[in-house]
């Protein structure tokens, strides 16, 4: 799971520290106080909110960077094959 990313986005990490929140999140999940599905849904909402807050230029820049990464991977794969 991506607890580190979740903890970094949490505003409480500024006051309590990332390590404390990470250990607390793991304890809460292990004890059953928080359902893993609920945490994953919350993380998904945070990602959607971040994506929706991007400007058109930022969104396109991210898409271009992703496309470049895919192109590099395909080029490397073809080079390995011979």
PDB file of N, CA and C in Angstrom:
ATOM      1  N   UNK A   1       0.837  -1.195   0.000  1.00  0.00           N
ATOM      2  CA  UNK A   1       0.000   0.000   0.000  1.00  0.00           C
ATOM      3  C   UNK A   1       0.868   1.239   0.000  1.00  0.00           C
ATOM      4  N   UNK A   2       0.314   2.344  -0.379  1.00  0.00           N
ATOM      5  CA  UNK A   2       1.061   3.572  -0.499  1.00  0.00           C
ATOM      6  C   UNK A   2       0.826   4.466   0.713  1.00  0.00           C
ATOM      7  N   UNK A   3       1.199   3.972   1.887  1.00  0.00           N
ATOM      8  CA  UNK A   3       0.961   4.744   3.106  1.00  0.00           C
ATOM      9  C   UNK A   3       1.809   6.000   3.150  1.00  0.00           C
ATOM     10  N   UNK A   4       3.034   5.917   2.660  1.00  0.00           N
ATOM     11  CA  UNK A   4       3.917   7.094   2.714  1.00  0.00           C
ATOM     12  C   UNK A   4       3.303   8.258   1.938  1.00  0.00           C
ATOM     13  N   UNK A   5       2.771   7.984   0.742  1.00  0.00           N
ATOM     14  CA  UNK A   5       2.140   9.026  -0.050  1.00  0.00           C
ATOM     15  C   UNK A   5       0.917   9.578   0.673  1.00  0.00           C
ATOM     16  N   UNK A   6       0.133   8.690   1.256  1.00  0.00           N
ATOM     17  CA  UNK A   6      -1.060   9.097   1.999  1.00  0.00           C
ATOM     18  C   UNK A   6      -0.678   9.987   3.176  1.00  0.00           C
ATOM     19  N   UNK A   7       0.343   9.582   3.910  1.00  0.00           N
ATOM     20  CA  UNK A   7       0.764  10.327   5.092  1.00  0.00           C
ATOM     21  C   UNK A   7       1.315  11.698   4.688  1.00  0.00           C
ATOM     22  N   UNK A   8       2.057  11.765   3.590  1.00  0.00           N
ATOM     23  CA  UNK A   8       2.607  13.047   3.152  1.00  0.00           C
ATOM     24  C   UNK A   8       1.509  14.035   2.802  1.00  0.00           C
ATOM     25  N   UNK A   9       0.393  13.553   2.278  1.00  0.00           N
ATOM     26  CA  UNK A   9      -0.704  14.430   1.885  1.00  0.00           C
ATOM     27  C   UNK A   9      -1.548  14.853   3.077  1.00  0.00           C
ATOM     28  N   UNK A  10      -1.411  14.154   4.161  1.00  0.00           N
ATOM     29  CA  UNK A  10      -2.221  14.429   5.350  1.00  0.00           C
ATOM     30  C   UNK A  10      -1.697  15.691   6.026  1.00  0.00           C
ATOM     31  N   UNK A  11      -2.581  16.627   6.325  1.00  0.00           N
ATOM     32  CA  UNK A  11      -2.155  17.888   6.935  1.00  0.00           C
ATOM     33  C   UNK A  11      -1.614  17.685   8.344  1.00  0.00           C
ATOM     34  N   UNK A  12      -2.016  16.617   9.015  1.00  0.00           N
ATOM     35  CA  UNK A  12      -1.506  16.357  10.361  1.00  0.00           C
ATOM     36  C   UNK A  12      -0.029  16.011  10.364  1.00  0.00           C
ATOM     37  N   UNK A  13       0.509  15.590   9.211  1.00  0.00           N
ATOM     38  CA  UNK A  13       1.921  15.218   9.174  1.00  0.00           C
ATOM     39  C   UNK A  13       2.812  16.410   9.482  1.00  0.00           C
ATOM     40  N   UNK A  14       2.316  17.621   9.256  1.00  0.00           N
ATOM     41  CA  UNK A  14       3.100  18.808   9.588  1.00  0.00           C
ATOM     42  C   UNK A  14       3.283  18.951  11.093  1.00  0.00           C
ATOM     43  N   UNK A  15       2.300  18.507  11.862  1.00  0.00           N
ATOM     44  CA  UNK A  15       2.352  18.666  13.308  1.00  0.00           C
ATOM     45  C   UNK A  15       2.887  17.427  14.020  1.00  0.00           C
ATOM     46  N   UNK A  16       2.490  16.251  13.554  1.00  0.00           N
ATOM     47  CA  UNK A  16       2.824  15.020  14.268  1.00  0.00           C
ATOM     48  C   UNK A  16       4.014  14.272  13.682  1.00  0.00           C
ATOM     49  N   UNK A  17       4.333  14.529  12.449  1.00  0.00           N
ATOM     50  CA  UNK A  17       5.437  13.838  11.804  1.00  0.00           C
ATOM     51  C   UNK A  17       4.946  12.638  11.006  1.00  0.00           C
ATOM     52  N   UNK A  18       5.614  12.392   9.888  1.00  0.00           N
ATOM     53  CA  UNK A  18       5.201  11.317   8.982  1.00  0.00           C
ATOM     54  C   UNK A  18       5.364   9.941   9.607  1.00  0.00           C
ATOM     55  N   UNK A  19       6.468   9.730  10.334  1.00  0.00           N
ATOM     56  CA  UNK A  19       6.716   8.415  10.920  1.00  0.00           C
ATOM     57  C   UNK A  19       5.642   8.039  11.937  1.00  0.00           C
ATOM     58  N   UNK A  20       5.233   9.006  12.761  1.00  0.00           N
ATOM     59  CA  UNK A  20       4.190   8.745  13.751  1.00  0.00           C
ATOM     60  C   UNK A  20       2.882   8.377  13.061  1.00  0.00           C
ATOM     61  N   UNK A  21       2.504   9.142  12.045  1.00  0.00           N
ATOM     62  CA  UNK A  21       1.239   8.876  11.359  1.00  0.00           C
ATOM     63  C   UNK A  21       1.275   7.550  10.614  1.00  0.00           C
ATOM     64  N   UNK A  22       2.421   7.199  10.039  1.00  0.00           N
ATOM     65  CA  UNK A  22       2.543   5.921   9.347  1.00  0.00           C
ATOM     66  C   UNK A  22       2.372   4.771  10.322  1.00  0.00           C
ATOM     67  N   UNK A  23       3.039   4.839  11.465  1.00  0.00           N
ATOM     68  CA  UNK A  23       2.910   3.757  12.444  1.00  0.00           C
ATOM     69  C   UNK A  23       1.482   3.682  12.980  1.00  0.00           C
ATOM     70  N   UNK A  24       0.854   4.825  13.169  1.00  0.00           N
ATOM     71  CA  UNK A  24      -0.531   4.839  13.660  1.00  0.00           C
ATOM     72  C   UNK A  24      -1.486   4.249  12.625  1.00  0.00           C
ATOM     73  N   UNK A  25      -1.288   4.583  11.354  1.00  0.00           N
ATOM     74  CA  UNK A  25      -2.149   4.046  10.303  1.00  0.00           C
ATOM     75  C   UNK A  25      -2.022   2.537  10.227  1.00  0.00           C
ATOM     76  N   UNK A  26      -0.811   2.031  10.350  1.00  0.00           N
ATOM     77  CA  UNK A  26      -0.615   0.578  10.313  1.00  0.00           C
ATOM     78  C   UNK A  26      -1.267  -0.100  11.510  1.00  0.00           C
ATOM     79  N   UNK A  27      -1.181   0.524  12.688  1.00  0.00           N
ATOM     80  CA  UNK A  27      -1.805  -0.049  13.890  1.00  0.00           C
ATOM     81  C   UNK A  27      -3.328  -0.074  13.758  1.00  0.00           C
ATOM     82  N   UNK A  28      -3.889   1.004  13.241  1.00  0.00           N
ATOM     83  CA  UNK A  28      -5.346   1.095  13.090  1.00  0.00           C
ATOM     84  C   UNK A  28      -5.839   0.052  12.093  1.00  0.00           C
ATOM     85  N   UNK A  29      -5.113  -0.123  11.008  1.00  0.00           N
ATOM     86  CA  UNK A  29      -5.496  -1.147  10.030  1.00  0.00           C
ATOM     87  C   UNK A  29      -5.364  -2.550  10.622  1.00  0.00           C
ATOM     88  N   UNK A  30      -4.287  -2.796  11.346  1.00  0.00           N
ATOM     89  CA  UNK A  30      -4.054  -4.123  11.931  1.00  0.00           C
ATOM     90  C   UNK A  30      -5.102  -4.455  12.984  1.00  0.00           C
ATOM     91  N   UNK A  31      -5.535  -3.454  13.736  1.00  0.00           N
ATOM     92  CA  UNK A  31      -6.517  -3.706  14.790  1.00  0.00           C
ATOM     93  C   UNK A  31      -7.926  -3.847  14.242  1.00  0.00           C
ATOM     94  N   UNK A  32      -8.136  -3.437  13.003  1.00  0.00           N
ATOM     95  CA  UNK A  32      -9.465  -3.548  12.415  1.00  0.00           C
ATOM     96  C   UNK A  32     -10.333  -2.324  12.634  1.00  0.00           C
ATOM     97  N   UNK A  33      -9.788  -1.272  13.249  1.00  0.00           N
ATOM     98  CA  UNK A  33     -10.557  -0.055  13.472  1.00  0.00           C
ATOM     99  C   UNK A  33     -10.885   0.645  12.147  1.00  0.00           C
ATOM    100  N   UNK A  34      -9.998   0.477  11.174  1.00  0.00           N
ATOM    101  CA  UNK A  34     -10.197   1.095   9.871  1.00  0.00           C
ATOM    102  C   UNK A  34     -10.114   0.018   8.809  1.00  0.00           C
ATOM    103  N   UNK A  35     -11.119  -0.025   7.973  1.00  0.00           N
ATOM    104  CA  UNK A  35     -11.148  -0.992   6.891  1.00  0.00           C
ATOM    105  C   UNK A  35     -10.187  -0.551   5.793  1.00  0.00           C
ATOM    106  N   UNK A  36      -9.426  -1.473   5.271  1.00  0.00           N
ATOM    107  CA  UNK A  36      -8.458  -1.166   4.225  1.00  0.00           C
ATOM    108  C   UNK A  36      -9.142  -0.548   3.009  1.00  0.00           C
ATOM    109  N   UNK A  37     -10.319  -1.042   2.685  1.00  0.00           N
ATOM    110  CA  UNK A  37     -11.061  -0.520   1.542  1.00  0.00           C
ATOM    111  C   UNK A  37     -11.386   0.953   1.720  1.00  0.00           C
ATOM    112  N   UNK A  38     -11.754   1.353   2.928  1.00  0.00           N
ATOM    113  CA  UNK A  38     -12.069   2.761   3.183  1.00  0.00           C
ATOM    114  C   UNK A  38     -10.843   3.648   3.007  1.00  0.00           C
ATOM    115  N   UNK A  39      -9.694   3.161   3.470  1.00  0.00           N
ATOM    116  CA  UNK A  39      -8.461   3.917   3.311  1.00  0.00           C
ATOM    117  C   UNK A  39      -8.105   4.056   1.836  1.00  0.00           C
ATOM    118  N   UNK A  40      -8.245   2.969   1.083  1.00  0.00           N
ATOM    119  CA  UNK A  40      -7.946   3.017  -0.347  1.00  0.00           C
ATOM    120  C   UNK A  40      -8.896   3.953  -1.080  1.00  0.00           C
ATOM    121  N   UNK A  41     -10.164   3.944  -0.698  1.00  0.00           N
ATOM    122  CA  UNK A  41     -11.133   4.858  -1.314  1.00  0.00           C
ATOM    123  C   UNK A  41     -10.773   6.317  -1.018  1.00  0.00           C
ATOM    124  N   UNK A  42     -10.333   6.576   0.212  1.00  0.00           N
ATOM    125  CA  UNK A  42      -9.938   7.932   0.581  1.00  0.00           C
ATOM    126  C   UNK A  42      -8.726   8.375  -0.229  1.00  0.00           C
ATOM    127  N   UNK A  43      -7.758   7.467  -0.389  1.00  0.00           N
ATOM    128  CA  UNK A  43      -6.574   7.777  -1.189  1.00  0.00           C
ATOM    129  C   UNK A  43      -6.974   8.069  -2.641  1.00  0.00           C
ATOM    130  N   UNK A  44      -7.918   7.312  -3.157  1.00  0.00           N
ATOM    131  CA  UNK A  44      -8.388   7.527  -4.524  1.00  0.00           C
ATOM    132  C   UNK A  44      -9.029   8.906  -4.659  1.00  0.00           C
ATOM    133  N   UNK A  45      -9.822   9.293  -3.671  1.00  0.00           N
ATOM    134  CA  UNK A  45     -10.451  10.614  -3.703  1.00  0.00           C
ATOM    135  C   UNK A  45      -9.403  11.729  -3.669  1.00  0.00           C
ATOM    136  N   UNK A  46      -8.342  11.537  -2.876  1.00  0.00           N
ATOM    137  CA  UNK A  46      -7.271  12.530  -2.831  1.00  0.00           C
ATOM    138  C   UNK A  46      -6.598  12.672  -4.191  1.00  0.00           C
ATOM    139  N   UNK A  47      -6.338  11.536  -4.863  1.00  0.00           N
ATOM    140  CA  UNK A  47      -5.717  11.582  -6.196  1.00  0.00           C
ATOM    141  C   UNK A  47      -6.635  12.288  -7.191  1.00  0.00           C
ATOM    142  N   UNK A  48      -7.936  11.984  -7.140  1.00  0.00           N
ATOM    143  CA  UNK A  48      -8.888  12.619  -8.050  1.00  0.00           C
ATOM    144  C   UNK A  48      -8.962  14.119  -7.802  1.00  0.00           C
ATOM    145  N   UNK A  49      -8.955  14.500  -6.536  1.00  0.00           N
ATOM    146  CA  UNK A  49      -9.023  15.910  -6.186  1.00  0.00           C
ATOM    147  C   UNK A  49      -7.778  16.640  -6.686  1.00  0.00           C
ATOM    148  N   UNK A  50      -6.629  16.010  -6.549  1.00  0.00           N
ATOM    149  CA  UNK A  50      -5.397  16.623  -7.042  1.00  0.00           C
ATOM    150  C   UNK A  50      -5.425  16.770  -8.560  1.00  0.00           C
ATOM    151  N   UNK A  51      -5.874  15.722  -9.245  1.00  0.00           N
ATOM    152  CA  UNK A  51      -5.937  15.745 -10.706  1.00  0.00           C
ATOM    153  C   UNK A  51      -6.935  16.801 -11.192  1.00  0.00           C
ATOM    154  N   UNK A  52      -8.059  16.929 -10.519  1.00  0.00           N
ATOM    155  CA  UNK A  52      -9.067  17.910 -10.923  1.00  0.00           C
ATOM    156  C   UNK A  52      -8.620  19.334 -10.662  1.00  0.00           C
ATOM    157  N   UNK A  53      -7.689  19.515  -9.727  1.00  0.00           N
ATOM    158  CA  UNK A  53      -7.211  20.847  -9.408  1.00  0.00           C
ATOM    159  C   UNK A  53      -6.116  21.345 -10.334  1.00  0.00           C
ATOM    160  N   UNK A  54      -5.614  20.487 -11.199  1.00  0.00           N
ATOM    161  CA  UNK A  54      -4.547  20.891 -12.107  1.00  0.00           C
ATOM    162  C   UNK A  54      -5.093  21.771 -13.222  1.00  0.00           C
ATOM    163  N   UNK A  55      -4.271  22.700 -13.655  1.00  0.00           N
ATOM    164  CA  UNK A  55      -4.656  23.508 -14.809  1.00  0.00           C
ATOM    165  C   UNK A  55      -4.500  22.653 -16.064  1.00  0.00           C
ATOM    166  N   UNK A  56      -5.042  23.131 -17.151  1.00  0.00           N
ATOM    167  CA  UNK A  56      -4.958  22.400 -18.418  1.00  0.00           C
ATOM    168  C   UNK A  56      -3.500  22.224 -18.834  1.00  0.00           C
ATOM    169  N   UNK A  57      -2.692  23.259 -18.657  1.00  0.00           N
ATOM    170  CA  UNK A  57      -1.280  23.183 -19.033  1.00  0.00           C
ATOM    171  C   UNK A  57      -0.543  22.136 -18.182  1.00  0.00           C
ATOM    172  N   UNK A  58      -0.821  22.108 -16.882  1.00  0.00           N
ATOM    173  CA  UNK A  58      -0.175  21.128 -16.001  1.00  0.00           C
ATOM    174  C   UNK A  58      -0.593  19.709 -16.368  1.00  0.00           C
ATOM    175  N   UNK A  59      -1.870  19.546 -16.670  1.00  0.00           N
ATOM    176  CA  UNK A  59      -2.378  18.233 -17.035  1.00  0.00           C
ATOM    177  C   UNK A  59      -1.722  17.735 -18.327  1.00  0.00           C
ATOM    178  N   UNK A  60      -1.630  18.620 -19.309  1.00  0.00           N
ATOM    179  CA  UNK A  60      -1.015  18.243 -20.594  1.00  0.00           C
ATOM    180  C   UNK A  60       0.469  17.949 -20.420  1.00  0.00           C
ATOM    181  N   UNK A  61       1.137  18.704 -19.571  1.00  0.00           N
ATOM    182  CA  UNK A  61       2.563  18.462 -19.322  1.00  0.00           C
ATOM    183  C   UNK A  61       2.759  17.078 -18.710  1.00  0.00           C
ATOM    184  N   UNK A  62       1.901  16.708 -17.778  1.00  0.00           N
ATOM    185  CA  UNK A  62       1.976  15.384 -17.180  1.00  0.00           C
ATOM    186  C   UNK A  62       1.710  14.286 -18.188  1.00  0.00           C
ATOM    187  N   UNK A  63       0.744  14.512 -19.062  1.00  0.00           N
ATOM    188  CA  UNK A  63       0.435  13.523 -20.097  1.00  0.00           C
ATOM    189  C   UNK A  63       1.594  13.368 -21.072  1.00  0.00           C
ATOM    190  N   UNK A  64       2.233  14.493 -21.430  1.00  0.00           N
ATOM    191  CA  UNK A  64       3.389  14.428 -22.337  1.00  0.00           C
ATOM    192  C   UNK A  64       4.540  13.667 -21.684  1.00  0.00           C
ATOM    193  N   UNK A  65       4.777  13.924 -20.409  1.00  0.00           N
ATOM    194  CA  UNK A  65       5.861  13.224 -19.707  1.00  0.00           C
ATOM    195  C   UNK A  65       5.580  11.723 -19.654  1.00  0.00           C
ATOM    196  N   UNK A  66       4.337  11.361 -19.415  1.00  0.00           N
ATOM    197  CA  UNK A  66       3.975   9.942 -19.403  1.00  0.00           C
ATOM    198  C   UNK A  66       4.211   9.324 -20.782  1.00  0.00           C
ATOM    199  N   UNK A  67       3.802  10.025 -21.834  1.00  0.00           N
ATOM    200  CA  UNK A  67       3.979   9.511 -23.194  1.00  0.00           C
ATOM    201  C   UNK A  67       5.460   9.341 -23.522  1.00  0.00           C
ATOM    202  N   UNK A  68       6.285  10.280 -23.075  1.00  0.00           N
ATOM    203  CA  UNK A  68       7.733  10.156 -23.300  1.00  0.00           C
ATOM    204  C   UNK A  68       8.294   8.937 -22.585  1.00  0.00           C
ATOM    205  N   UNK A  69       7.825   8.691 -21.368  1.00  0.00           N
ATOM    206  CA  UNK A  69       8.278   7.523 -20.616  1.00  0.00           C
ATOM    207  C   UNK A  69       7.895   6.227 -21.307  1.00  0.00           C
ATOM    208  N   UNK A  70       6.689   6.179 -21.828  1.00  0.00           N
ATOM    209  CA  UNK A  70       6.237   4.993 -22.557  1.00  0.00           C
ATOM    210  C   UNK A  70       7.089   4.799 -23.804  1.00  0.00           C
ATOM    211  N   UNK A  71       7.366   5.878 -24.510  1.00  0.00           N
ATOM    212  CA  UNK A  71       8.181   5.792 -25.723  1.00  0.00           C
ATOM    213  C   UNK A  71       9.591   5.290 -25.396  1.00  0.00           C
ATOM    214  N   UNK A  72      10.188   5.795 -24.306  1.00  0.00           N
ATOM    215  CA  UNK A  72      11.520   5.329 -23.899  1.00  0.00           C
ATOM    216  C   UNK A  72      11.494   3.842 -23.575  1.00  0.00           C
ATOM    217  N   UNK A  73      10.460   3.413 -22.867  1.00  0.00           N
ATOM    218  CA  UNK A  73      10.358   1.999 -22.502  1.00  0.00           C
ATOM    219  C   UNK A  73      10.231   1.125 -23.746  1.00  0.00           C
ATOM    220  N   UNK A  74       9.439   1.555 -24.701  1.00  0.00           N
ATOM    221  CA  UNK A  74       9.275   0.785 -25.936  1.00  0.00           C
ATOM    222  C   UNK A  74      10.577   0.738 -26.729  1.00  0.00           C
ATOM    223  N   UNK A  75      11.294   1.855 -26.782  1.00  0.00           N
ATOM    224  CA  UNK A  75      12.574   1.907 -27.479  1.00  0.00           C
ATOM    225  C   UNK A  75      13.585   0.968 -26.831  1.00  0.00           C
ATOM    226  N   UNK A  76      13.635   0.998 -25.496  1.00  0.00           N
ATOM    227  CA  UNK A  76      14.545   0.115 -24.771  1.00  0.00           C
ATOM    228  C   UNK A  76      14.193  -1.350 -24.989  1.00  0.00           C
ATOM    229  N   UNK A  77      12.929  -1.650 -25.003  1.00  0.00           N
ATOM    230  CA  UNK A  77      12.492  -3.031 -25.212  1.00  0.00           C
ATOM    231  C   UNK A  77      12.900  -3.521 -26.610  1.00  0.00           C
ATOM    232  N   UNK A  78      12.703  -2.675 -27.597  1.00  0.00           N
ATOM    233  CA  UNK A  78      13.086  -3.049 -28.965  1.00  0.00           C
ATOM    234  C   UNK A  78      14.591  -3.203 -29.097  1.00  0.00           C
ATOM    235  N   UNK A  79      15.353  -2.361 -28.405  1.00  0.00           N
ATOM    236  CA  UNK A  79      16.809  -2.431 -28.460  1.00  0.00           C
ATOM    237  C   UNK A  79      17.314  -3.735 -27.821  1.00  0.00           C
ATOM    238  N   UNK A  80      16.657  -4.160 -26.763  1.00  0.00           N
ATOM    239  CA  UNK A  80      17.051  -5.417 -26.089  1.00  0.00           C
ATOM    240  C   UNK A  80      16.774  -6.624 -26.962  1.00  0.00           C
ATOM    241  N   UNK A  81      15.715  -6.549 -27.735  1.00  0.00           N
ATOM    242  CA  UNK A  81      15.344  -7.684 -28.600  1.00  0.00           C
ATOM    243  C   UNK A  81      16.291  -7.835 -29.780  1.00  0.00           C
ATOM    244  N   UNK A  82      16.959  -6.787 -30.098  1.00  0.00           N
ATOM    245  CA  UNK A  82      17.964  -6.924 -31.155  1.00  0.00           C
ATOM    246  C   UNK A  82      17.644  -6.129 -32.323  1.00  0.00           C
TER     247      UNK A  82
END
